[in-house]
Amino acid sequence: MADLSLLFGDDLSIGPTGDLAVAEAQDLTQQRVLRRLLTNPSDYVWHLSYGAGLGQFVGRPGVPDLVSGVIRTQMQLETQVVQSPAPSVVCNVSDDGTVMVSISYVDAVTGQTALLSFSI
């Protein structure tokens, strides 16, 4: 089933036919994962334990192990992510202190491996 395409922090976008863009399969799962990781715990009134709150780690030095653990825990809670094999999370700190995150997981809808990379 298609859902509106809405990346965390962005606006709705227009699709190729002029209608609202939709996200299906792997794109939808990626949007769900990003939303979970970037949402602060207790920000969703109806689901107070939802979210990893990765924004809290911005500017904090030496947190790659902590970030990695938080991401692994949240990935286990995401229904669109296959749990076996478990998602792989790699966090590295660059020279300027930026934490680079790379997540590899299997999409439960498509059965394909997906890679998600970002920095905090």
PDB file of N, CA and C in Angstrom:
ATOM      1  N   MET A   1       0.834  -1.176   0.000  1.00  0.00           N
ATOM      2  CA  MET A   1       0.000   0.000   0.000  1.00  0.00           C
ATOM      3  C   MET A   1       0.884   1.245   0.000  1.00  0.00           C
ATOM      4  N   ALA A   2       0.571   2.173  -0.832  1.00  0.00           N
ATOM      5  CA  ALA A   2       1.339   3.405  -0.945  1.00  0.00           C
ATOM      6  C   ALA A   2       0.970   4.353   0.193  1.00  0.00           C
ATOM      7  N   ASP A   3       1.928   5.158   0.582  1.00  0.00           N
ATOM      8  CA  ASP A   3       1.741   6.161   1.616  1.00  0.00           C
ATOM      9  C   ASP A   3       2.346   7.457   1.089  1.00  0.00           C
ATOM     10  N   LEU A   4       1.947   8.598   1.617  1.00  0.00           N
ATOM     11  CA  LEU A   4       2.527   9.851   1.173  1.00  0.00           C
ATOM     12  C   LEU A   4       4.011   9.876   1.468  1.00  0.00           C
ATOM     13  N   SER A   5       4.768  10.414   0.540  1.00  0.00           N
ATOM     14  CA  SER A   5       6.206  10.539   0.706  1.00  0.00           C
ATOM     15  C   SER A   5       6.486  11.755   1.587  1.00  0.00           C
ATOM     16  N   LEU A   6       7.074  11.511   2.743  1.00  0.00           N
ATOM     17  CA  LEU A   6       7.351  12.596   3.667  1.00  0.00           C
ATOM     18  C   LEU A   6       8.607  12.268   4.457  1.00  0.00           C
ATOM     19  N   LEU A   7       9.742  12.828   4.022  1.00  0.00           N
ATOM     20  CA  LEU A   7      10.986  12.647   4.755  1.00  0.00           C
ATOM     21  C   LEU A   7      10.948  13.495   6.004  1.00  0.00           C
ATOM     22  N   PHE A   8      11.550  12.992   7.072  1.00  0.00           N
ATOM     23  CA  PHE A   8      11.560  13.687   8.357  1.00  0.00           C
ATOM     24  C   PHE A   8      12.116  15.097   8.182  1.00  0.00           C
ATOM     25  N   GLY A   9      11.346  16.084   8.606  1.00  0.00           N
ATOM     26  CA  GLY A   9      11.787  17.475   8.538  1.00  0.00           C
ATOM     27  C   GLY A   9      11.504  18.171   7.224  1.00  0.00           C
ATOM     28  N   ASP A  10      10.991  17.453   6.227  1.00  0.00           N
ATOM     29  CA  ASP A  10      10.686  18.053   4.927  1.00  0.00           C
ATOM     30  C   ASP A  10       9.191  18.271   4.781  1.00  0.00           C
ATOM     31  N   ASP A  11       8.808  18.854   3.660  1.00  0.00           N
ATOM     32  CA  ASP A  11       7.408  19.038   3.316  1.00  0.00           C
ATOM     33  C   ASP A  11       6.969  17.930   2.378  1.00  0.00           C
ATOM     34  N   LEU A  12       5.673  17.806   2.199  1.00  0.00           N
ATOM     35  CA  LEU A  12       5.152  16.894   1.185  1.00  0.00           C
ATOM     36  C   LEU A  12       5.696  17.335  -0.168  1.00  0.00           C
ATOM     37  N   SER A  13       5.898  16.383  -1.056  1.00  0.00           N
ATOM     38  CA  SER A  13       6.429  16.734  -2.370  1.00  0.00           C
ATOM     39  C   SER A  13       5.453  16.330  -3.462  1.00  0.00           C
ATOM     40  N   ILE A  14       5.668  16.883  -4.621  1.00  0.00           N
ATOM     41  CA  ILE A  14       4.809  16.647  -5.778  1.00  0.00           C
ATOM     42  C   ILE A  14       5.385  15.500  -6.601  1.00  0.00           C
ATOM     43  N   GLY A  15       4.523  14.582  -6.998  1.00  0.00           N
ATOM     44  CA  GLY A  15       4.933  13.449  -7.811  1.00  0.00           C
ATOM     45  C   GLY A  15       5.014  13.811  -9.280  1.00  0.00           C
ATOM     46  N   PRO A  16       5.394  12.867 -10.122  1.00  0.00           N
ATOM     47  CA  PRO A  16       5.573  13.130 -11.555  1.00  0.00           C
ATOM     48  C   PRO A  16       4.290  13.510 -12.289  1.00  0.00           C
ATOM     49  N   THR A  17       3.125  13.160 -11.735  1.00  0.00           N
ATOM     50  CA  THR A  17       1.861  13.479 -12.401  1.00  0.00           C
ATOM     51  C   THR A  17       1.219  14.751 -11.850  1.00  0.00           C
ATOM     52  N   GLY A  18       1.897  15.425 -10.905  1.00  0.00           N
ATOM     53  CA  GLY A  18       1.358  16.642 -10.323  1.00  0.00           C
ATOM     54  C   GLY A  18       0.598  16.417  -9.030  1.00  0.00           C
ATOM     55  N   ASP A  19       0.356  15.172  -8.671  1.00  0.00           N
ATOM     56  CA  ASP A  19      -0.293  14.845  -7.403  1.00  0.00           C
ATOM     57  C   ASP A  19       0.758  14.797  -6.304  1.00  0.00           C
ATOM     58  N   LEU A  20       0.317  14.566  -5.084  1.00  0.00           N
ATOM     59  CA  LEU A  20       1.272  14.375  -4.001  1.00  0.00           C
ATOM     60  C   LEU A  20       2.071  13.107  -4.250  1.00  0.00           C
ATOM     61  N   ALA A  21       3.366  13.180  -4.012  1.00  0.00           N
ATOM     62  CA  ALA A  21       4.244  12.027  -4.219  1.00  0.00           C
ATOM     63  C   ALA A  21       3.936  10.959  -3.179  1.00  0.00           C
ATOM     64  N   VAL A  22       4.043   9.711  -3.600  1.00  0.00           N
ATOM     65  CA  VAL A  22       3.843   8.587  -2.684  1.00  0.00           C
ATOM     66  C   VAL A  22       5.147   7.821  -2.528  1.00  0.00           C
ATOM     67  N   ALA A  23       5.268   7.158  -1.397  1.00  0.00           N
ATOM     68  CA  ALA A  23       6.430   6.310  -1.135  1.00  0.00           C
ATOM     69  C   ALA A  23       5.923   4.891  -0.985  1.00  0.00           C
ATOM     70  N   GLU A  24       6.591   3.985  -1.616  1.00  0.00           N
ATOM     71  CA  GLU A  24       6.218   2.586  -1.515  1.00  0.00           C
ATOM     72  C   GLU A  24       7.441   1.768  -1.147  1.00  0.00           C
ATOM     73  N   ALA A  25       7.175   0.609  -0.583  1.00  0.00           N
ATOM     74  CA  ALA A  25       8.186  -0.398  -0.279  1.00  0.00           C
ATOM     75  C   ALA A  25       9.393   0.167   0.450  1.00  0.00           C
ATOM     76  N   GLN A  26      10.566   0.097  -0.179  1.00  0.00           N
ATOM     77  CA  GLN A  26      11.816   0.440   0.491  1.00  0.00           C
ATOM     78  C   GLN A  26      11.884   1.914   0.896  1.00  0.00           C
ATOM     79  N   ASP A  27      11.349   2.804   0.090  1.00  0.00           N
ATOM     80  CA  ASP A  27      11.352   4.227   0.446  1.00  0.00           C
ATOM     81  C   ASP A  27      10.509   4.479   1.689  1.00  0.00           C
ATOM     82  N   LEU A  28       9.376   3.802   1.781  1.00  0.00           N
ATOM     83  CA  LEU A  28       8.505   3.963   2.933  1.00  0.00           C
ATOM     84  C   LEU A  28       9.177   3.443   4.202  1.00  0.00           C
ATOM     85  N   THR A  29       9.854   2.308   4.099  1.00  0.00           N
ATOM     86  CA  THR A  29      10.564   1.768   5.254  1.00  0.00           C
ATOM     87  C   THR A  29      11.671   2.717   5.695  1.00  0.00           C
ATOM     88  N   GLN A  30      12.409   3.277   4.750  1.00  0.00           N
ATOM     89  CA  GLN A  30      13.474   4.223   5.092  1.00  0.00           C
ATOM     90  C   GLN A  30      12.898   5.444   5.811  1.00  0.00           C
ATOM     91  N   GLN A  31      11.760   5.940   5.354  1.00  0.00           N
ATOM     92  CA  GLN A  31      11.130   7.076   6.006  1.00  0.00           C
ATOM     93  C   GLN A  31      10.726   6.721   7.436  1.00  0.00           C
ATOM     94  N   ARG A  32      10.198   5.509   7.633  1.00  0.00           N
ATOM     95  CA  ARG A  32       9.805   5.065   8.975  1.00  0.00           C
ATOM     96  C   ARG A  32      11.019   4.969   9.904  1.00  0.00           C
ATOM     97  N   VAL A  33      12.120   4.422   9.391  1.00  0.00           N
ATOM     98  CA  VAL A  33      13.326   4.269  10.199  1.00  0.00           C
ATOM     99  C   VAL A  33      13.871   5.647  10.599  1.00  0.00           C
ATOM    100  N   LEU A  34      13.970   6.557   9.637  1.00  0.00           N
ATOM    101  CA  LEU A  34      14.461   7.907   9.942  1.00  0.00           C
ATOM    102  C   LEU A  34      13.561   8.607  10.959  1.00  0.00           C
ATOM    103  N   ARG A  35      12.256   8.480  10.786  1.00  0.00           N
ATOM    104  CA  ARG A  35      11.322   9.107  11.721  1.00  0.00           C
ATOM    105  C   ARG A  35      11.533   8.557  13.128  1.00  0.00           C
ATOM    106  N   ARG A  36      11.695   7.252  13.248  1.00  0.00           N
ATOM    107  CA  ARG A  36      11.917   6.631  14.555  1.00  0.00           C
ATOM    108  C   ARG A  36      13.224   7.115  15.181  1.00  0.00           C
ATOM    109  N   LEU A  37      14.291   7.164  14.389  1.00  0.00           N
ATOM    110  CA  LEU A  37      15.596   7.529  14.932  1.00  0.00           C
ATOM    111  C   LEU A  37      15.701   9.006  15.298  1.00  0.00           C
ATOM    112  N   LEU A  38      15.014   9.869  14.579  1.00  0.00           N
ATOM    113  CA  LEU A  38      15.147  11.308  14.803  1.00  0.00           C
ATOM    114  C   LEU A  38      14.083  11.887  15.731  1.00  0.00           C
ATOM    115  N   THR A  39      13.030  11.132  16.018  1.00  0.00           N
ATOM    116  CA  THR A  39      11.986  11.601  16.928  1.00  0.00           C
ATOM    117  C   THR A  39      12.459  11.476  18.373  1.00  0.00           C
ATOM    118  N   ASN A  40      12.233  12.509  19.158  1.00  0.00           N
ATOM    119  CA  ASN A  40      12.594  12.476  20.573  1.00  0.00           C
ATOM    120  C   ASN A  40      11.577  11.644  21.351  1.00  0.00           C
ATOM    121  N   PRO A  41      12.054  10.825  22.297  1.00  0.00           N
ATOM    122  CA  PRO A  41      11.111  10.093  23.137  1.00  0.00           C
ATOM    123  C   PRO A  41      10.148  11.078  23.814  1.00  0.00           C
ATOM    124  N   SER A  42       8.910  10.694  23.914  1.00  0.00           N
ATOM    125  CA  SER A  42       7.789  11.448  24.499  1.00  0.00           C
ATOM    126  C   SER A  42       7.264  12.568  23.600  1.00  0.00           C
ATOM    127  N   ASP A  43       7.779  12.712  22.366  1.00  0.00           N
ATOM    128  CA  ASP A  43       7.243  13.718  21.446  1.00  0.00           C
ATOM    129  C   ASP A  43       5.907  13.297  20.831  1.00  0.00           C
ATOM    130  N   TYR A  44       5.672  11.989  20.691  1.00  0.00           N
ATOM    131  CA  TYR A  44       4.380  11.503  20.195  1.00  0.00           C
ATOM    132  C   TYR A  44       3.476  11.297  21.401  1.00  0.00           C
ATOM    133  N   VAL A  45       2.434  12.097  21.509  1.00  0.00           N
ATOM    134  CA  VAL A  45       1.556  12.082  22.671  1.00  0.00           C
ATOM    135  C   VAL A  45       0.923  10.706  22.893  1.00  0.00           C
ATOM    136  N   TRP A  46       0.606   9.981  21.816  1.00  0.00           N
ATOM    137  CA  TRP A  46      -0.073   8.702  21.950  1.00  0.00           C
ATOM    138  C   TRP A  46       0.882   7.523  22.050  1.00  0.00           C
ATOM    139  N   HIS A  47       2.163   7.777  21.954  1.00  0.00           N
ATOM    140  CA  HIS A  47       3.157   6.691  22.023  1.00  0.00           C
ATOM    141  C   HIS A  47       4.437   7.278  22.626  1.00  0.00           C
ATOM    142  N   LEU A  48       4.434   7.490  23.923  1.00  0.00           N
ATOM    143  CA  LEU A  48       5.489   8.233  24.600  1.00  0.00           C
ATOM    144  C   LEU A  48       6.856   7.570  24.547  1.00  0.00           C
ATOM    145  N   SER A  49       6.916   6.258  24.352  1.00  0.00           N
ATOM    146  CA  SER A  49       8.218   5.579  24.323  1.00  0.00           C
ATOM    147  C   SER A  49       8.797   5.491  22.908  1.00  0.00           C
ATOM    148  N   TYR A  50       8.083   6.026  21.911  1.00  0.00           N
ATOM    149  CA  TYR A  50       8.537   5.969  20.519  1.00  0.00           C
ATOM    150  C   TYR A  50       9.673   6.957  20.292  1.00  0.00           C
ATOM    151  N   GLY A  51      10.726   6.529  19.608  1.00  0.00           N
ATOM    152  CA  GLY A  51      11.777   7.436  19.163  1.00  0.00           C
ATOM    153  C   GLY A  51      13.102   7.254  19.865  1.00  0.00           C
ATOM    154  N   ALA A  52      14.162   7.488  19.093  1.00  0.00           N
ATOM    155  CA  ALA A  52      15.530   7.355  19.611  1.00  0.00           C
ATOM    156  C   ALA A  52      16.099   8.684  20.072  1.00  0.00           C
ATOM    157  N   GLY A  53      15.629   9.783  19.502  1.00  0.00           N
ATOM    158  CA  GLY A  53      16.126  11.103  19.897  1.00  0.00           C
ATOM    159  C   GLY A  53      17.594  11.305  19.589  1.00  0.00           C
ATOM    160  N   LEU A  54      18.033  10.914  18.381  1.00  0.00           N
ATOM    161  CA  LEU A  54      19.451  11.034  18.050  1.00  0.00           C
ATOM    162  C   LEU A  54      19.956  12.472  18.081  1.00  0.00           C
ATOM    163  N   GLY A  55      19.058  13.435  18.000  1.00  0.00           N
ATOM    164  CA  GLY A  55      19.467  14.833  18.072  1.00  0.00           C
ATOM    165  C   GLY A  55      20.162  15.188  19.374  1.00  0.00           C
ATOM    166  N   GLN A  56      19.899  14.430  20.428  1.00  0.00           N
ATOM    167  CA  GLN A  56      20.533  14.712  21.716  1.00  0.00           C
ATOM    168  C   GLN A  56      22.039  14.484  21.691  1.00  0.00           C
ATOM    169  N   PHE A  57      22.531  13.774  20.674  1.00  0.00           N
ATOM    170  CA  PHE A  57      23.959  13.470  20.596  1.00  0.00           C
ATOM    171  C   PHE A  57      24.755  14.486  19.781  1.00  0.00           C
ATOM    172  N   VAL A  58      24.068  15.444  19.183  1.00  0.00           N
ATOM    173  CA  VAL A  58      24.759  16.461  18.394  1.00  0.00           C
ATOM    174  C   VAL A  58      25.676  17.272  19.308  1.00  0.00           C
ATOM    175  N   GLY A  59      26.943  17.355  18.941  1.00  0.00           N
ATOM    176  CA  GLY A  59      27.909  18.137  19.695  1.00  0.00           C
ATOM    177  C   GLY A  59      28.505  17.446  20.910  1.00  0.00           C
ATOM    178  N   ARG A  60      28.074  16.218  21.179  1.00  0.00           N
ATOM    179  CA  ARG A  60      28.635  15.478  22.320  1.00  0.00           C
ATOM    180  C   ARG A  60      29.776  14.610  21.817  1.00  0.00           C
ATOM    181  N   PRO A  61      30.956  14.791  22.338  1.00  0.00           N
ATOM    182  CA  PRO A  61      32.100  14.007  21.867  1.00  0.00           C
ATOM    183  C   PRO A  61      32.089  12.574  22.409  1.00  0.00           C
ATOM    184  N   GLY A  62      32.674  11.673  21.622  1.00  0.00           N
ATOM    185  CA  GLY A  62      32.919  10.301  22.066  1.00  0.00           C
ATOM    186  C   GLY A  62      31.686   9.484  22.365  1.00  0.00           C
ATOM    187  N   VAL A  63      30.675   9.552  21.523  1.00  0.00           N
ATOM    188  CA  VAL A  63      29.451   8.821  21.785  1.00  0.00           C
ATOM    189  C   VAL A  63      29.110   7.729  20.763  1.00  0.00           C
ATOM    190  N   PRO A  64      30.038   7.291  19.918  1.00  0.00           N
ATOM    191  CA  PRO A  64      29.644   6.342  18.878  1.00  0.00           C
ATOM    192  C   PRO A  64      29.073   5.029  19.429  1.00  0.00           C
ATOM    193  N   ASP A  65      29.609   4.505  20.514  1.00  0.00           N
ATOM    194  CA  ASP A  65      29.079   3.252  21.072  1.00  0.00           C
ATOM    195  C   ASP A  65      27.669   3.443  21.619  1.00  0.00           C
ATOM    196  N   LEU A  66      27.440   4.567  22.253  1.00  0.00           N
ATOM    197  CA  LEU A  66      26.116   4.871  22.788  1.00  0.00           C
ATOM    198  C   LEU A  66      25.109   5.056  21.665  1.00  0.00           C
ATOM    199  N   VAL A  67      25.484   5.804  20.645  1.00  0.00           N
ATOM    200  CA  VAL A  67      24.614   6.025  19.486  1.00  0.00           C
ATOM    201  C   VAL A  67      24.290   4.694  18.821  1.00  0.00           C
ATOM    202  N   SER A  68      25.291   3.872  18.632  1.00  0.00           N
ATOM    203  CA  SER A  68      25.108   2.566  18.008  1.00  0.00           C
ATOM    204  C   SER A  68      24.116   1.706  18.801  1.00  0.00           C
ATOM    205  N   GLY A  69      24.233   1.713  20.105  1.00  0.00           N
ATOM    206  CA  GLY A  69      23.325   0.936  20.954  1.00  0.00           C
ATOM    207  C   GLY A  69      21.898   1.434  20.891  1.00  0.00           C
ATOM    208  N   VAL A  70      21.731   2.745  20.902  1.00  0.00           N
ATOM    209  CA  VAL A  70      20.387   3.332  20.807  1.00  0.00           C
ATOM    210  C   VAL A  70      19.751   2.961  19.469  1.00  0.00           C
ATOM    211  N   ILE A  71      20.522   3.046  18.390  1.00  0.00           N
ATOM    212  CA  ILE A  71      19.995   2.720  17.061  1.00  0.00           C
ATOM    213  C   ILE A  71      19.606   1.249  16.988  1.00  0.00           C
ATOM    214  N   ARG A  72      20.455   0.357  17.487  1.00  0.00           N
ATOM    215  CA  ARG A  72      20.138  -1.083  17.466  1.00  0.00           C
ATOM    216  C   ARG A  72      18.834  -1.367  18.212  1.00  0.00           C
ATOM    217  N   THR A  73      18.671  -0.747  19.370  1.00  0.00           N
ATOM    218  CA  THR A  73      17.458  -0.946  20.160  1.00  0.00           C
ATOM    219  C   THR A  73      16.224  -0.492  19.391  1.00  0.00           C
ATOM    220  N   GLN A  74      16.299   0.669  18.768  1.00  0.00           N
ATOM    221  CA  GLN A  74      15.154   1.185  18.020  1.00  0.00           C
ATOM    222  C   GLN A  74      14.869   0.372  16.757  1.00  0.00           C
ATOM    223  N   MET A  75      15.916  -0.127  16.109  1.00  0.00           N
ATOM    224  CA  MET A  75      15.716  -0.947  14.902  1.00  0.00           C
ATOM    225  C   MET A  75      14.988  -2.244  15.249  1.00  0.00           C
ATOM    226  N   GLN A  76      15.180  -2.752  16.460  1.00  0.00           N
ATOM    227  CA  GLN A  76      14.477  -3.959  16.888  1.00  0.00           C
ATOM    228  C   GLN A  76      12.987  -3.704  17.067  1.00  0.00           C
ATOM    229  N   LEU A  77      12.608  -2.470  17.291  1.00  0.00           N
ATOM    230  CA  LEU A  77      11.214  -2.113  17.509  1.00  0.00           C
ATOM    231  C   LEU A  77      10.475  -1.776  16.221  1.00  0.00           C
ATOM    232  N   GLU A  78      11.203  -1.584  15.133  1.00  0.00           N
ATOM    233  CA  GLU A  78      10.591  -1.188  13.860  1.00  0.00           C
ATOM    234  C   GLU A  78      10.051  -2.418  13.136  1.00  0.00           C
ATOM    235  N   THR A  79       8.742  -2.454  12.912  1.00  0.00           N
ATOM    236  CA  THR A  79       8.096  -3.627  12.308  1.00  0.00           C
ATOM    237  C   THR A  79       8.458  -3.833  10.841  1.00  0.00           C
ATOM    238  N   GLN A  80       8.907  -2.797  10.169  1.00  0.00           N
ATOM    239  CA  GLN A  80       9.246  -2.915   8.753  1.00  0.00           C
ATOM    240  C   GLN A  80      10.667  -3.413   8.533  1.00  0.00           C
ATOM    241  N   VAL A  81      11.402  -3.683   9.609  1.00  0.00           N
ATOM    242  CA  VAL A  81      12.785  -4.143   9.518  1.00  0.00           C
ATOM    243  C   VAL A  81      12.856  -5.596   9.980  1.00  0.00           C
ATOM    244  N   VAL A  82      13.426  -6.459   9.129  1.00  0.00           N
ATOM    245  CA  VAL A  82      13.598  -7.870   9.472  1.00  0.00           C
ATOM    246  C   VAL A  82      14.606  -7.981  10.617  1.00  0.00           C
ATOM    247  N   GLN A  83      14.314  -8.835  11.589  1.00  0.00           N
ATOM    248  CA  GLN A  83      15.186  -8.954  12.760  1.00  0.00           C
ATOM    249  C   GLN A  83      16.236 -10.052  12.638  1.00  0.00           C
ATOM    250  N   SER A  84      16.067 -10.944  11.681  1.00  0.00           N
ATOM    251  CA  SER A  84      17.072 -11.994  11.464  1.00  0.00           C
ATOM    252  C   SER A  84      17.323 -12.100   9.965  1.00  0.00           C
ATOM    253  N   PRO A  85      18.463 -11.652   9.503  1.00  0.00           N
ATOM    254  CA  PRO A  85      19.631 -11.189  10.240  1.00  0.00           C
ATOM    255  C   PRO A  85      19.393  -9.815  10.866  1.00  0.00           C
ATOM    256  N   ALA A  86      20.034  -9.603  11.985  1.00  0.00           N
ATOM    257  CA  ALA A  86      19.887  -8.340  12.705  1.00  0.00           C
ATOM    258  C   ALA A  86      20.486  -7.189  11.907  1.00  0.00           C
ATOM    259  N   PRO A  87      19.901  -6.005  12.028  1.00  0.00           N
ATOM    260  CA  PRO A  87      20.481  -4.843  11.362  1.00  0.00           C
ATOM    261  C   PRO A  87      21.910  -4.594  11.840  1.00  0.00           C
ATOM    262  N   SER A  88      22.740  -4.121  10.936  1.00  0.00           N
ATOM    263  CA  SER A  88      24.133  -3.807  11.248  1.00  0.00           C
ATOM    264  C   SER A  88      24.275  -2.298  11.386  1.00  0.00           C
ATOM    265  N   VAL A  89      24.881  -1.856  12.481  1.00  0.00           N
ATOM    266  CA  VAL A  89      25.056  -0.427  12.735  1.00  0.00           C
ATOM    267  C   VAL A  89      26.537  -0.150  12.946  1.00  0.00           C
ATOM    268  N   VAL A  90      27.079   0.783  12.170  1.00  0.00           N
ATOM    269  CA  VAL A  90      28.479   1.183  12.309  1.00  0.00           C
ATOM    270  C   VAL A  90      28.505   2.690  12.550  1.00  0.00           C
ATOM    271  N   CYS A  91      29.173   3.102  13.626  1.00  0.00           N
ATOM    272  CA  CYS A  91      29.336   4.523  13.946  1.00  0.00           C
ATOM    273  C   CYS A  91      30.819   4.837  14.021  1.00  0.00           C
ATOM    274  N   ASN A  92      31.227   5.866  13.313  1.00  0.00           N
ATOM    275  CA  ASN A  92      32.614   6.331  13.338  1.00  0.00           C
ATOM    276  C   ASN A  92      32.633   7.819  13.618  1.00  0.00           C
ATOM    277  N   VAL A  93      33.678   8.265  14.294  1.00  0.00           N
ATOM    278  CA  VAL A  93      33.832   9.687  14.579  1.00  0.00           C
ATOM    279  C   VAL A  93      34.880  10.262  13.631  1.00  0.00           C
ATOM    280  N   SER A  94      34.526  11.332  12.921  1.00  0.00           N
ATOM    281  CA  SER A  94      35.470  11.980  12.016  1.00  0.00           C
ATOM    282  C   SER A  94      36.371  12.926  12.812  1.00  0.00           C
ATOM    283  N   ASP A  95      37.361  13.491  12.150  1.00  0.00           N
ATOM    284  CA  ASP A  95      38.322  14.371  12.807  1.00  0.00           C
ATOM    285  C   ASP A  95      37.665  15.602  13.443  1.00  0.00           C
ATOM    286  N   ASP A  96      36.568  16.065  12.846  1.00  0.00           N
ATOM    287  CA  ASP A  96      35.902  17.255  13.395  1.00  0.00           C
ATOM    288  C   ASP A  96      34.877  16.921  14.474  1.00  0.00           C
ATOM    289  N   GLY A  97      34.767  15.638  14.856  1.00  0.00           N
ATOM    290  CA  GLY A  97      33.855  15.226  15.923  1.00  0.00           C
ATOM    291  C   GLY A  97      32.495  14.766  15.450  1.00  0.00           C
ATOM    292  N   THR A  98      32.245  14.848  14.152  1.00  0.00           N
ATOM    293  CA  THR A  98      30.973  14.396  13.604  1.00  0.00           C
ATOM    294  C   THR A  98      30.884  12.877  13.680  1.00  0.00           C
ATOM    295  N   VAL A  99      29.749  12.375  14.132  1.00  0.00           N
ATOM    296  CA  VAL A  99      29.533  10.931  14.182  1.00  0.00           C
ATOM    297  C   VAL A  99      28.858  10.515  12.876  1.00  0.00           C
ATOM    298  N   MET A 100      29.522   9.647  12.129  1.00  0.00           N
ATOM    299  CA  MET A 100      28.994   9.124  10.869  1.00  0.00           C
ATOM    300  C   MET A 100      28.328   7.779  11.160  1.00  0.00           C
ATOM    301  N   VAL A 101      27.079   7.631  10.768  1.00  0.00           N
ATOM    302  CA  VAL A 101      26.305   6.420  11.032  1.00  0.00           C
ATOM    303  C   VAL A 101      25.985   5.722   9.720  1.00  0.00           C
ATOM    304  N   SER A 102      26.156   4.419   9.708  1.00  0.00           N
ATOM    305  CA  SER A 102      25.796   3.591   8.558  1.00  0.00           C
ATOM    306  C   SER A 102      24.997   2.397   9.078  1.00  0.00           C
ATOM    307  N   ILE A 103      23.782   2.240   8.564  1.00  0.00           N
ATOM    308  CA  ILE A 103      22.894   1.163   8.998  1.00  0.00           C
ATOM    309  C   ILE A 103      22.553   0.301   7.795  1.00  0.00           C
ATOM    310  N   SER A 104      22.739  -0.995   7.947  1.00  0.00           N
ATOM    311  CA  SER A 104      22.351  -1.954   6.920  1.00  0.00           C
ATOM    312  C   SER A 104      21.277  -2.852   7.524  1.00  0.00           C
ATOM    313  N   TYR A 105      20.149  -2.970   6.830  1.00  0.00           N
ATOM    314  CA  TYR A 105      19.040  -3.781   7.338  1.00  0.00           C
ATOM    315  C   TYR A 105      18.294  -4.411   6.168  1.00  0.00           C
ATOM    316  N   VAL A 106      17.495  -5.422   6.476  1.00  0.00           N
ATOM    317  CA  VAL A 106      16.676  -6.062   5.459  1.00  0.00           C
ATOM    318  C   VAL A 106      15.255  -5.529   5.602  1.00  0.00           C
ATOM    319  N   ASP A 107      14.719  -5.012   4.509  1.00  0.00           N
ATOM    320  CA  ASP A 107      13.369  -4.470   4.461  1.00  0.00           C
ATOM    321  C   ASP A 107      12.367  -5.622   4.524  1.00  0.00           C
ATOM    322  N   ALA A 108      11.431  -5.582   5.467  1.00  0.00           N
ATOM    323  CA  ALA A 108      10.458  -6.661   5.638  1.00  0.00           C
ATOM    324  C   ALA A 108       9.471  -6.737   4.480  1.00  0.00           C
ATOM    325  N   VAL A 109       9.238  -5.637   3.792  1.00  0.00           N
ATOM    326  CA  VAL A 109       8.278  -5.623   2.691  1.00  0.00           C
ATOM    327  C   VAL A 109       8.884  -6.201   1.418  1.00  0.00           C
ATOM    328  N   THR A 110      10.095  -5.765   1.085  1.00  0.00           N
ATOM    329  CA  THR A 110      10.704  -6.180  -0.182  1.00  0.00           C
ATOM    330  C   THR A 110      11.651  -7.361  -0.025  1.00  0.00           C
ATOM    331  N   GLY A 111      12.155  -7.575   1.185  1.00  0.00           N
ATOM    332  CA  GLY A 111      13.146  -8.630   1.408  1.00  0.00           C
ATOM    333  C   GLY A 111      14.535  -8.246   0.930  1.00  0.00           C
ATOM    334  N   GLN A 112      14.714  -7.001   0.528  1.00  0.00           N
ATOM    335  CA  GLN A 112      15.998  -6.536   0.023  1.00  0.00           C
ATOM    336  C   GLN A 112      16.784  -5.822   1.126  1.00  0.00           C
ATOM    337  N   THR A 113      18.102  -5.897   1.024  1.00  0.00           N
ATOM    338  CA  THR A 113      18.961  -5.194   1.960  1.00  0.00           C
ATOM    339  C   THR A 113      19.003  -3.719   1.608  1.00  0.00           C
ATOM    340  N   ALA A 114      18.880  -2.887   2.623  1.00  0.00           N
ATOM    341  CA  ALA A 114      18.900  -1.439   2.432  1.00  0.00           C
ATOM    342  C   ALA A 114      20.036  -0.853   3.244  1.00  0.00           C
ATOM    343  N   LEU A 115      20.587   0.241   2.768  1.00  0.00           N
ATOM    344  CA  LEU A 115      21.660   0.936   3.461  1.00  0.00           C
ATOM    345  C   LEU A 115      21.231   2.368   3.707  1.00  0.00           C
ATOM    346  N   LEU A 116      21.386   2.803   4.936  1.00  0.00           N
ATOM    347  CA  LEU A 116      21.013   4.164   5.328  1.00  0.00           C
ATOM    348  C   LEU A 116      22.222   4.789   6.007  1.00  0.00           C
ATOM    349  N   SER A 117      22.690   5.916   5.496  1.00  0.00           N
ATOM    350  CA  SER A 117      23.864   6.594   6.069  1.00  0.00           C
ATOM    351  C   SER A 117      23.523   8.059   6.327  1.00  0.00           C
ATOM    352  N   PHE A 118      23.998   8.566   7.465  1.00  0.00           N
ATOM    353  CA  PHE A 118      23.798   9.960   7.816  1.00  0.00           C
ATOM    354  C   PHE A 118      24.805  10.346   8.892  1.00  0.00           C
ATOM    355  N   SER A 119      24.876  11.615   9.202  1.00  0.00           N
ATOM    356  CA  SER A 119      25.794  12.096  10.240  1.00  0.00           C
ATOM    357  C   SER A 119      25.022  12.846  11.305  1.00  0.00           C
ATOM    358  N   ILE A 120      25.575  12.819  12.517  1.00  0.00           N
ATOM    359  CA  ILE A 120      24.974  13.596  13.611  1.00  0.00           C
ATOM    360  C   ILE A 120      26.082  14.334  14.337  1.00  0.00           C
TER     361      ILE A 120
END
